[in-house]
């Protein structure tokens, strides 16, 4: 069975509150998309090994437009 990230595959959305100013943070995508110019085009099996979280999680960046803080949150993958 394959596991997928519910955010990357538009199956769910997460609401995250900024720990500094308590406003809603915006999802900015998986951290592996920010490694370099070509990382969004690489096979996920390659980039998943570089994000520093377990294979059953997908590390996402959330950004606060009010105070400029970002937060990295590991999202549990689901079985498809």
C-alpha atoms as a PDB file:
ATOM      1  CA  UNK A   1       0.000   0.000   0.000  1.00  0.00           C
ATOM      2  CA  UNK A   2       1.117   3.502  -0.790  1.00  0.00           C
ATOM      3  CA  UNK A   3       1.096   6.396   1.666  1.00  0.00           C
ATOM      4  CA  UNK A   4       0.468   9.955   0.509  1.00  0.00           C
ATOM      5  CA  UNK A   5       0.381  13.381   2.108  1.00  0.00           C
ATOM      6  CA  UNK A   6      -3.187  14.678   2.459  1.00  0.00           C
ATOM      7  CA  UNK A   7      -2.083  18.309   1.965  1.00  0.00           C
ATOM      8  CA  UNK A   8       0.118  17.697  -1.097  1.00  0.00           C
ATOM      9  CA  UNK A   9      -2.735  15.755  -2.706  1.00  0.00           C
ATOM     10  CA  UNK A  10      -5.461  18.296  -1.796  1.00  0.00           C
ATOM     11  CA  UNK A  11      -7.353  15.834   0.395  1.00  0.00           C
ATOM     12  CA  UNK A  12      -7.184  18.007   3.520  1.00  0.00           C
ATOM     13  CA  UNK A  13      -6.223  21.443   4.677  1.00  0.00           C
ATOM     14  CA  UNK A  14      -4.731  22.413   8.007  1.00  0.00           C
ATOM     15  CA  UNK A  15      -5.370  25.555  10.022  1.00  0.00           C
ATOM     16  CA  UNK A  16      -2.311  26.607  11.982  1.00  0.00           C
ATOM     17  CA  UNK A  17      -2.236  29.479  14.453  1.00  0.00           C
ATOM     18  CA  UNK A  18       0.899  31.604  14.627  1.00  0.00           C
ATOM     19  CA  UNK A  19       2.604  31.122  18.002  1.00  0.00           C
ATOM     20  CA  UNK A  20       3.786  34.762  17.982  1.00  0.00           C
ATOM     21  CA  UNK A  21       0.787  36.880  16.919  1.00  0.00           C
ATOM     22  CA  UNK A  22      -1.986  34.204  16.935  1.00  0.00           C
ATOM     23  CA  UNK A  23      -3.124  34.923  13.367  1.00  0.00           C
ATOM     24  CA  UNK A  24      -3.840  32.191  10.841  1.00  0.00           C
ATOM     25  CA  UNK A  25      -0.736  30.906   9.053  1.00  0.00           C
ATOM     26  CA  UNK A  26      -0.809  30.076   5.349  1.00  0.00           C
ATOM     27  CA  UNK A  27       0.379  26.742   3.968  1.00  0.00           C
ATOM     28  CA  UNK A  28       3.399  27.229   1.700  1.00  0.00           C
ATOM     29  CA  UNK A  29       3.934  23.650   0.552  1.00  0.00           C
ATOM     30  CA  UNK A  30       6.231  20.791   1.420  1.00  0.00           C
ATOM     31  CA  UNK A  31       9.750  21.778   2.456  1.00  0.00           C
ATOM     32  CA  UNK A  32      11.266  19.525  -0.205  1.00  0.00           C
ATOM     33  CA  UNK A  33       9.941  21.943  -2.854  1.00  0.00           C
ATOM     34  CA  UNK A  34      12.338  24.603  -1.553  1.00  0.00           C
ATOM     35  CA  UNK A  35      15.658  22.702  -1.679  1.00  0.00           C
ATOM     36  CA  UNK A  36      16.655  24.037  -5.120  1.00  0.00           C
ATOM     37  CA  UNK A  37      15.166  24.992  -8.496  1.00  0.00           C
ATOM     38  CA  UNK A  38      14.740  21.386  -9.610  1.00  0.00           C
ATOM     39  CA  UNK A  39      13.573  19.713  -6.398  1.00  0.00           C
ATOM     40  CA  UNK A  40       9.829  19.967  -7.250  1.00  0.00           C
ATOM     41  CA  UNK A  41      10.583  17.884 -10.356  1.00  0.00           C
ATOM     42  CA  UNK A  42      12.603  15.150  -8.641  1.00  0.00           C
ATOM     43  CA  UNK A  43      11.158  11.813  -7.605  1.00  0.00           C
ATOM     44  CA  UNK A  44       9.620  12.009  -4.109  1.00  0.00           C
ATOM     45  CA  UNK A  45      11.651   9.014  -2.939  1.00  0.00           C
ATOM     46  CA  UNK A  46      14.779  11.134  -3.384  1.00  0.00           C
ATOM     47  CA  UNK A  47      13.574  14.357  -1.772  1.00  0.00           C
ATOM     48  CA  UNK A  48      11.799  12.631   1.136  1.00  0.00           C
ATOM     49  CA  UNK A  49      15.167  11.414   2.400  1.00  0.00           C
ATOM     50  CA  UNK A  50      16.426  15.001   2.711  1.00  0.00           C
ATOM     51  CA  UNK A  51      13.710  16.634   4.831  1.00  0.00           C
ATOM     52  CA  UNK A  52      14.771  15.104   8.169  1.00  0.00           C
ATOM     53  CA  UNK A  53      11.451  13.516   9.161  1.00  0.00           C
ATOM     54  CA  UNK A  54      10.292   9.898   9.194  1.00  0.00           C
ATOM     55  CA  UNK A  55       9.080   8.334   5.934  1.00  0.00           C
ATOM     56  CA  UNK A  56       5.462   8.314   7.163  1.00  0.00           C
ATOM     57  CA  UNK A  57       5.434  12.119   7.507  1.00  0.00           C
ATOM     58  CA  UNK A  58       5.627  15.066   5.090  1.00  0.00           C
ATOM     59  CA  UNK A  59       7.230  18.266   6.382  1.00  0.00           C
ATOM     60  CA  UNK A  60       5.237  21.385   5.455  1.00  0.00           C
ATOM     61  CA  UNK A  61       5.998  25.077   5.859  1.00  0.00           C
ATOM     62  CA  UNK A  62       3.352  27.448   7.214  1.00  0.00           C
ATOM     63  CA  UNK A  63       3.904  31.231   7.018  1.00  0.00           C
ATOM     64  CA  UNK A  64       2.336  34.113   8.938  1.00  0.00           C
ATOM     65  CA  UNK A  65       1.687  37.129   6.714  1.00  0.00           C
ATOM     66  CA  UNK A  66       1.256  39.366   9.764  1.00  0.00           C
ATOM     67  CA  UNK A  67       4.549  38.901  11.607  1.00  0.00           C
ATOM     68  CA  UNK A  68       6.632  37.015   9.024  1.00  0.00           C
ATOM     69  CA  UNK A  69       7.235  33.928  11.153  1.00  0.00           C
ATOM     70  CA  UNK A  70       7.333  30.511   9.553  1.00  0.00           C
ATOM     71  CA  UNK A  71       6.804  27.139  11.140  1.00  0.00           C
ATOM     72  CA  UNK A  72       7.624  23.645   9.939  1.00  0.00           C
ATOM     73  CA  UNK A  73       5.011  21.027  10.764  1.00  0.00           C
ATOM     74  CA  UNK A  74       5.270  17.288  10.021  1.00  0.00           C
ATOM     75  CA  UNK A  75       2.012  16.009   8.549  1.00  0.00           C
ATOM     76  CA  UNK A  76       1.062  12.326   8.902  1.00  0.00           C
ATOM     77  CA  UNK A  77       0.673  10.569   5.569  1.00  0.00           C
ATOM     78  CA  UNK A  78      -2.415   8.456   4.920  1.00  0.00           C
ATOM     79  CA  UNK A  79      -2.733   5.029   3.320  1.00  0.00           C
ATOM     80  CA  UNK A  80      -4.264   4.931  -0.141  1.00  0.00           C
END
